[in-house]
C-alpha atoms as a PDB file:
ATOM      1  CA  MET A   1       0.000   0.000   0.000  1.00  0.00           C
ATOM      2  CA  VAL A   2       1.426   3.340  -1.057  1.00  0.00           C
ATOM      3  CA  LEU A   3      -0.061   6.229   0.902  1.00  0.00           C
ATOM      4  CA  ILE A   4      -0.857   9.355  -1.099  1.00  0.00           C
ATOM      5  CA  ASN A   5      -1.444  12.718   0.598  1.00  0.00           C
ATOM      6  CA  ASP A   6      -1.576  15.028  -2.405  1.00  0.00           C
ATOM      7  CA  ASN A   7      -3.910  16.403  -5.038  1.00  0.00           C
ATOM      8  CA  SER A   8      -4.324  16.247  -8.790  1.00  0.00           C
ATOM      9  CA  ALA A   9      -2.319  18.604 -10.949  1.00  0.00           C
ATOM     10  CA  VAL A  10      -4.080  17.443 -14.129  1.00  0.00           C
ATOM     11  CA  LEU A  11      -7.445  19.099 -13.482  1.00  0.00           C
ATOM     12  CA  LYS A  12      -7.449  22.586 -12.029  1.00  0.00           C
ATOM     13  CA  ILE A  13     -10.353  24.352 -10.347  1.00  0.00           C
ATOM     14  CA  GLY A  14     -12.448  25.806 -13.181  1.00  0.00           C
ATOM     15  CA  ASP A  15     -11.529  23.058 -15.674  1.00  0.00           C
ATOM     16  CA  VAL A  16     -14.274  21.232 -17.553  1.00  0.00           C
ATOM     17  CA  LEU A  17     -15.354  17.674 -16.726  1.00  0.00           C
ATOM     18  CA  PRO A  18     -13.475  15.116 -18.833  1.00  0.00           C
ATOM     19  CA  ALA A  19     -16.014  13.100 -20.838  1.00  0.00           C
ATOM     20  CA  PHE A  20     -16.392   9.441 -19.940  1.00  0.00           C
ATOM     21  CA  SER A  21     -18.614   6.464 -20.624  1.00  0.00           C
ATOM     22  CA  LEU A  22     -18.109   3.474 -18.330  1.00  0.00           C
ATOM     23  CA  PRO A  23     -19.882   0.218 -17.451  1.00  0.00           C
ATOM     24  CA  ALA A  24     -21.501   0.221 -14.023  1.00  0.00           C
ATOM     25  CA  THR A  25     -22.098  -2.668 -11.661  1.00  0.00           C
ATOM     26  CA  ASP A  26     -25.885  -2.324 -12.013  1.00  0.00           C
ATOM     27  CA  GLY A  27     -25.686  -3.284 -15.707  1.00  0.00           C
ATOM     28  CA  THR A  28     -25.965   0.259 -17.062  1.00  0.00           C
ATOM     29  CA  THR A  29     -23.415   2.434 -18.803  1.00  0.00           C
ATOM     30  CA  VAL A  30     -22.731   5.789 -17.183  1.00  0.00           C
ATOM     31  CA  ASP A  31     -22.164   8.516 -19.761  1.00  0.00           C
ATOM     32  CA  SER A  32     -21.014  11.811 -18.268  1.00  0.00           C
ATOM     33  CA  SER A  33     -22.820  13.809 -20.954  1.00  0.00           C
ATOM     34  CA  LEU A  34     -26.190  12.362 -19.894  1.00  0.00           C
ATOM     35  CA  ILE A  35     -26.004  13.243 -16.186  1.00  0.00           C
ATOM     36  CA  ARG A  36     -28.361  16.162 -15.638  1.00  0.00           C
ATOM     37  CA  ASP A  37     -28.146  16.745 -11.873  1.00  0.00           C
ATOM     38  CA  PRO A  38     -26.913  20.244 -10.969  1.00  0.00           C
ATOM     39  CA  VAL A  39     -23.908  18.885  -9.058  1.00  0.00           C
ATOM     40  CA  LEU A  40     -21.792  15.890 -10.093  1.00  0.00           C
ATOM     41  CA  VAL A  41     -19.492  14.162  -7.614  1.00  0.00           C
ATOM     42  CA  VAL A  42     -16.961  11.760  -9.124  1.00  0.00           C
ATOM     43  CA  VAL A  43     -15.077   9.657  -6.581  1.00  0.00           C
ATOM     44  CA  PHE A  44     -12.230   7.351  -7.549  1.00  0.00           C
ATOM     45  CA  THR A  45     -12.304   4.425  -5.164  1.00  0.00           C
ATOM     46  CA  CYS A  46     -11.889   0.655  -5.023  1.00  0.00           C
ATOM     47  CA  ASN A  47     -12.735  -2.414  -2.978  1.00  0.00           C
ATOM     48  CA  HIS A  48      -9.440  -3.355  -1.315  1.00  0.00           C
ATOM     49  CA  CYS A  49      -8.036  -0.067   0.031  1.00  0.00           C
ATOM     50  CA  PRO A  50      -8.565   0.481   3.800  1.00  0.00           C
ATOM     51  CA  TYR A  51      -9.051   4.224   3.222  1.00  0.00           C
ATOM     52  CA  ALA A  52     -11.723   3.579   0.577  1.00  0.00           C
ATOM     53  CA  GLN A  53     -13.406   1.064   2.880  1.00  0.00           C
ATOM     54  CA  ALA A  54     -13.353   3.545   5.762  1.00  0.00           C
ATOM     55  CA  TYR A  55     -15.166   6.133   3.652  1.00  0.00           C
ATOM     56  CA  GLU A  56     -17.813   3.866   2.069  1.00  0.00           C
ATOM     57  CA  ASP A  57     -20.539   4.539   4.613  1.00  0.00           C
ATOM     58  CA  ARG A  58     -19.796   8.274   4.677  1.00  0.00           C
ATOM     59  CA  LEU A  59     -20.098   8.446   0.881  1.00  0.00           C
ATOM     60  CA  ILE A  60     -23.366   6.487   1.000  1.00  0.00           C
ATOM     61  CA  ASP A  61     -24.722   8.896   3.630  1.00  0.00           C
ATOM     62  CA  LEU A  62     -23.613  11.951   1.630  1.00  0.00           C
ATOM     63  CA  ALA A  63     -25.199  10.607  -1.552  1.00  0.00           C
ATOM     64  CA  LYS A  64     -28.481   9.997   0.269  1.00  0.00           C
ATOM     65  CA  ASP A  65     -28.364  13.377   2.035  1.00  0.00           C
ATOM     66  CA  PHE A  66     -27.771  15.332  -1.176  1.00  0.00           C
ATOM     67  CA  ASP A  67     -29.875  13.243  -3.576  1.00  0.00           C
ATOM     68  CA  GLN A  68     -32.975  15.422  -3.255  1.00  0.00           C
ATOM     69  CA  GLU A  69     -30.834  18.546  -3.560  1.00  0.00           C
ATOM     70  CA  GLY A  70     -29.550  17.572  -6.988  1.00  0.00           C
ATOM     71  CA  ALA A  71     -26.147  16.000  -6.393  1.00  0.00           C
ATOM     72  CA  GLN A  72     -25.332  12.844  -8.365  1.00  0.00           C
ATOM     73  CA  PHE A  73     -22.488  10.651  -7.121  1.00  0.00           C
ATOM     74  CA  VAL A  74     -20.562   8.374  -9.484  1.00  0.00           C
ATOM     75  CA  LEU A  75     -17.893   6.071  -8.072  1.00  0.00           C
ATOM     76  CA  ILE A  76     -15.130   4.823 -10.363  1.00  0.00           C
ATOM     77  CA  ASN A  77     -12.644   2.010  -9.797  1.00  0.00           C
ATOM     78  CA  SER A  78      -9.576   2.344 -12.033  1.00  0.00           C
ATOM     79  CA  ASN A  79      -7.286  -0.144 -10.297  1.00  0.00           C
ATOM     80  CA  ASP A  80      -5.495  -2.936 -12.139  1.00  0.00           C
ATOM     81  CA  ALA A  81      -7.693  -5.944 -11.325  1.00  0.00           C
ATOM     82  CA  GLY A  82      -5.032  -8.293 -12.701  1.00  0.00           C
ATOM     83  CA  SER A  83      -2.754  -7.406  -9.796  1.00  0.00           C
ATOM     84  CA  TYR A  84      -5.592  -6.679  -7.348  1.00  0.00           C
ATOM     85  CA  PRO A  85      -8.323  -9.301  -7.948  1.00  0.00           C
ATOM     86  CA  GLU A  86     -10.506  -7.855  -5.183  1.00  0.00           C
ATOM     87  CA  ASP A  87     -10.967  -4.838  -7.478  1.00  0.00           C
ATOM     88  CA  SER A  88     -12.312  -6.908 -10.390  1.00  0.00           C
ATOM     89  CA  PHE A  89     -15.637  -5.976 -11.956  1.00  0.00           C
ATOM     90  CA  GLY A  90     -17.231  -9.124 -10.496  1.00  0.00           C
ATOM     91  CA  ARG A  91     -16.092  -8.194  -6.985  1.00  0.00           C
ATOM     92  CA  MET A  92     -17.256  -4.622  -7.582  1.00  0.00           C
ATOM     93  CA  LYS A  93     -20.748  -5.975  -8.340  1.00  0.00           C
ATOM     94  CA  LEU A  94     -20.721  -7.901  -5.060  1.00  0.00           C
ATOM     95  CA  LYS A  95     -19.633  -4.798  -3.115  1.00  0.00           C
ATOM     96  CA  HIS A  96     -22.318  -2.681  -4.831  1.00  0.00           C
ATOM     97  CA  ASP A  97     -25.003  -5.177  -3.831  1.00  0.00           C
ATOM     98  CA  GLN A  98     -23.692  -5.842  -0.306  1.00  0.00           C
ATOM     99  CA  LYS A  99     -23.490  -2.148   0.550  1.00  0.00           C
ATOM    100  CA  SER A 100     -26.677  -1.208  -1.362  1.00  0.00           C
ATOM    101  CA  TYR A 101     -24.862   1.625  -3.090  1.00  0.00           C
ATOM    102  CA  PRO A 102     -27.257   4.483  -3.972  1.00  0.00           C
ATOM    103  CA  PHE A 103     -24.957   5.491  -6.838  1.00  0.00           C
ATOM    104  CA  PRO A 104     -23.367   3.883  -9.884  1.00  0.00           C
ATOM    105  CA  TYR A 105     -20.071   2.088  -9.307  1.00  0.00           C
ATOM    106  CA  CYS A 106     -18.168   2.126 -12.596  1.00  0.00           C
ATOM    107  CA  TYR A 107     -15.176   0.224 -13.893  1.00  0.00           C
ATOM    108  CA  ASP A 108     -12.400   2.107 -15.709  1.00  0.00           C
ATOM    109  CA  GLU A 109     -10.572  -0.937 -17.043  1.00  0.00           C
ATOM    110  CA  SER A 110      -8.416   1.075 -19.469  1.00  0.00           C
ATOM    111  CA  GLN A 111      -7.516   3.550 -16.695  1.00  0.00           C
ATOM    112  CA  GLU A 112      -7.983   6.374 -19.221  1.00  0.00           C
ATOM    113  CA  VAL A 113     -10.619   8.129 -17.105  1.00  0.00           C
ATOM    114  CA  ALA A 114      -8.374   8.158 -14.038  1.00  0.00           C
ATOM    115  CA  LYS A 115      -5.574   9.596 -16.170  1.00  0.00           C
ATOM    116  CA  ALA A 116      -7.869  12.283 -17.619  1.00  0.00           C
ATOM    117  CA  PHE A 117      -8.848  13.378 -14.101  1.00  0.00           C
ATOM    118  CA  GLY A 118      -5.374  12.964 -12.670  1.00  0.00           C
ATOM    119  CA  ALA A 119      -6.755  10.698  -9.947  1.00  0.00           C
ATOM    120  CA  LEU A 120      -4.002   9.808  -7.524  1.00  0.00           C
ATOM    121  CA  CYS A 121      -5.565   7.621  -4.866  1.00  0.00           C
ATOM    122  CA  THR A 122      -8.634   5.953  -3.429  1.00  0.00           C
ATOM    123  CA  PRO A 123     -10.704   7.825  -2.489  1.00  0.00           C
ATOM    124  CA  HIS A 124     -10.134  10.961  -4.572  1.00  0.00           C
ATOM    125  CA  CYS A 125     -13.117  13.305  -5.028  1.00  0.00           C
ATOM    126  CA  PHE A 126     -13.912  15.717  -7.874  1.00  0.00           C
ATOM    127  CA  VAL A 127     -17.019  17.929  -7.693  1.00  0.00           C
ATOM    128  CA  PHE A 128     -18.474  19.718 -10.721  1.00  0.00           C
ATOM    129  CA  ASP A 129     -21.212  22.348 -10.924  1.00  0.00           C
ATOM    130  CA  ARG A 130     -24.131  22.623 -13.375  1.00  0.00           C
ATOM    131  CA  GLU A 131     -21.825  23.861 -16.148  1.00  0.00           C
ATOM    132  CA  ARG A 132     -19.573  20.876 -15.384  1.00  0.00           C
ATOM    133  CA  THR A 133     -16.665  22.956 -14.200  1.00  0.00           C
ATOM    134  CA  LEU A 134     -14.523  21.631 -11.379  1.00  0.00           C
ATOM    135  CA  ARG A 135     -15.352  23.407  -8.135  1.00  0.00           C
ATOM    136  CA  TYR A 136     -13.764  21.095  -5.512  1.00  0.00           C
ATOM    137  CA  LYS A 137     -11.152  18.329  -5.523  1.00  0.00           C
ATOM    138  CA  GLY A 138      -9.520  16.282  -2.831  1.00  0.00           C
ATOM    139  CA  ARG A 139     -10.525  14.401   0.284  1.00  0.00           C
ATOM    140  CA  VAL A 140     -13.841  13.533   1.879  1.00  0.00           C
ATOM    141  CA  ASP A 141     -12.816  14.865   5.294  1.00  0.00           C
ATOM    142  CA  ASP A 142      -9.843  15.169   7.630  1.00  0.00           C
ATOM    143  CA  ASN A 143     -10.110  11.909   9.587  1.00  0.00           C
ATOM    144  CA  TRP A 144     -10.416   8.628   7.743  1.00  0.00           C
ATOM    145  CA  GLU A 145     -10.021   6.518  10.898  1.00  0.00           C
ATOM    146  CA  GLU A 146     -12.485   8.157  13.296  1.00  0.00           C
ATOM    147  CA  PRO A 147     -15.683   9.592  11.804  1.00  0.00           C
ATOM    148  CA  SER A 148     -16.612  11.070  15.194  1.00  0.00           C
ATOM    149  CA  ALA A 149     -13.324  13.026  15.282  1.00  0.00           C
ATOM    150  CA  VAL A 150     -13.787  14.758  11.918  1.00  0.00           C
ATOM    151  CA  SER A 151     -13.307  18.513  12.181  1.00  0.00           C
ATOM    152  CA  GLN A 152     -13.183  19.417   8.464  1.00  0.00           C
ATOM    153  CA  ARG A 153     -15.950  17.966   6.297  1.00  0.00           C
ATOM    154  CA  ASN A 154     -14.509  19.186   2.997  1.00  0.00           C
ATOM    155  CA  LEU A 155     -16.719  17.247   0.587  1.00  0.00           C
ATOM    156  CA  TYR A 156     -19.882  17.942   2.595  1.00  0.00           C
ATOM    157  CA  ASP A 157     -19.060  21.659   2.841  1.00  0.00           C
ATOM    158  CA  ALA A 158     -18.386  21.876  -0.905  1.00  0.00           C
ATOM    159  CA  LEU A 159     -21.684  20.151  -1.688  1.00  0.00           C
ATOM    160  CA  ARG A 160     -23.649  22.279   0.774  1.00  0.00           C
ATOM    161  CA  ALA A 161     -22.277  25.437  -0.859  1.00  0.00           C
ATOM    162  CA  LEU A 162     -22.783  24.293  -4.456  1.00  0.00           C
ATOM    163  CA  VAL A 163     -26.399  23.161  -4.013  1.00  0.00           C
ATOM    164  CA  ALA A 164     -27.054  26.599  -2.497  1.00  0.00           C
ATOM    165  CA  GLY A 165     -25.431  28.294  -5.503  1.00  0.00           C
ATOM    166  CA  LYS A 166     -22.407  29.460  -3.518  1.00  0.00           C
ATOM    167  CA  GLU A 167     -18.655  29.040  -3.761  1.00  0.00           C
ATOM    168  CA  PRO A 168     -17.206  26.123  -1.739  1.00  0.00           C
ATOM    169  CA  PRO A 169     -15.374  27.401   1.361  1.00  0.00           C
ATOM    170  CA  VAL A 170     -12.400  25.187   0.495  1.00  0.00           C
ATOM    171  CA  ARG A 171     -11.760  24.358  -3.154  1.00  0.00           C
ATOM    172  CA  GLU A 172      -8.852  21.944  -2.672  1.00  0.00           C
ATOM    173  CA  ALA A 173      -7.822  19.629   0.149  1.00  0.00           C
ATOM    174  CA  ASN A 174      -5.205  16.946  -0.409  1.00  0.00           C
ATOM    175  CA  ALA A 175      -6.721  13.552  -1.119  1.00  0.00           C
ATOM    176  CA  LEU A 176      -5.573  10.838   1.249  1.00  0.00           C
ATOM    177  CA  GLY A 177      -5.583   7.143   0.419  1.00  0.00           C
ATOM    178  CA  CYS A 178      -3.946   4.218  -1.345  1.00  0.00           C
ATOM    179  CA  SER A 179      -2.357   5.001  -4.685  1.00  0.00           C
ATOM    180  CA  ILE A 180      -4.199   4.059  -7.873  1.00  0.00           C
ATOM    181  CA  LYS A 181      -2.863   0.658  -8.942  1.00  0.00           C
ATOM    182  CA  TRP A 182      -1.637   1.359 -12.447  1.00  0.00           C
ATOM    183  CA  LYS A 183      -1.123  -1.326 -15.068  1.00  0.00           C
ATOM    184  CA  GLU A 184       2.448  -1.933 -16.183  1.00  0.00           C
END
């Protein structure tokens, strides 16, 4: 496990959403151009990473909390399933069903979407507004181990501001998690 505590240099705040079309674990294909919700949250994650696992329930809660306010979450796994079988599409389907994900969980087998975003780790969050410009990138919050000890709820605060038509109070906060497992 390689710990990343950094942020993407590929996409800058104000950049446009990179287009993508990916298979999801529910049998659909998620096409970024067809998502109409006012706010789009793209989270790069996976099954095996302890940081990603620690944030699963928080992401589920956030997706449910902001669903009626117009925020669509899309989770993407870009890890090399050949080297990390727990991150295979079949295992992703099991995780989606076991956790009753309220959002699509997509597989980026080519890893091209992760490269286009500059995703560094799992989880790594990117939040886009109605015009699909990047308004926040980075971590979910400041304490992956102890949800009760969180003092900075960066993703929540960004979403709360954007659904209210305001600027996020923090636009970047280093993502923290396991590195994306790139293919050789």
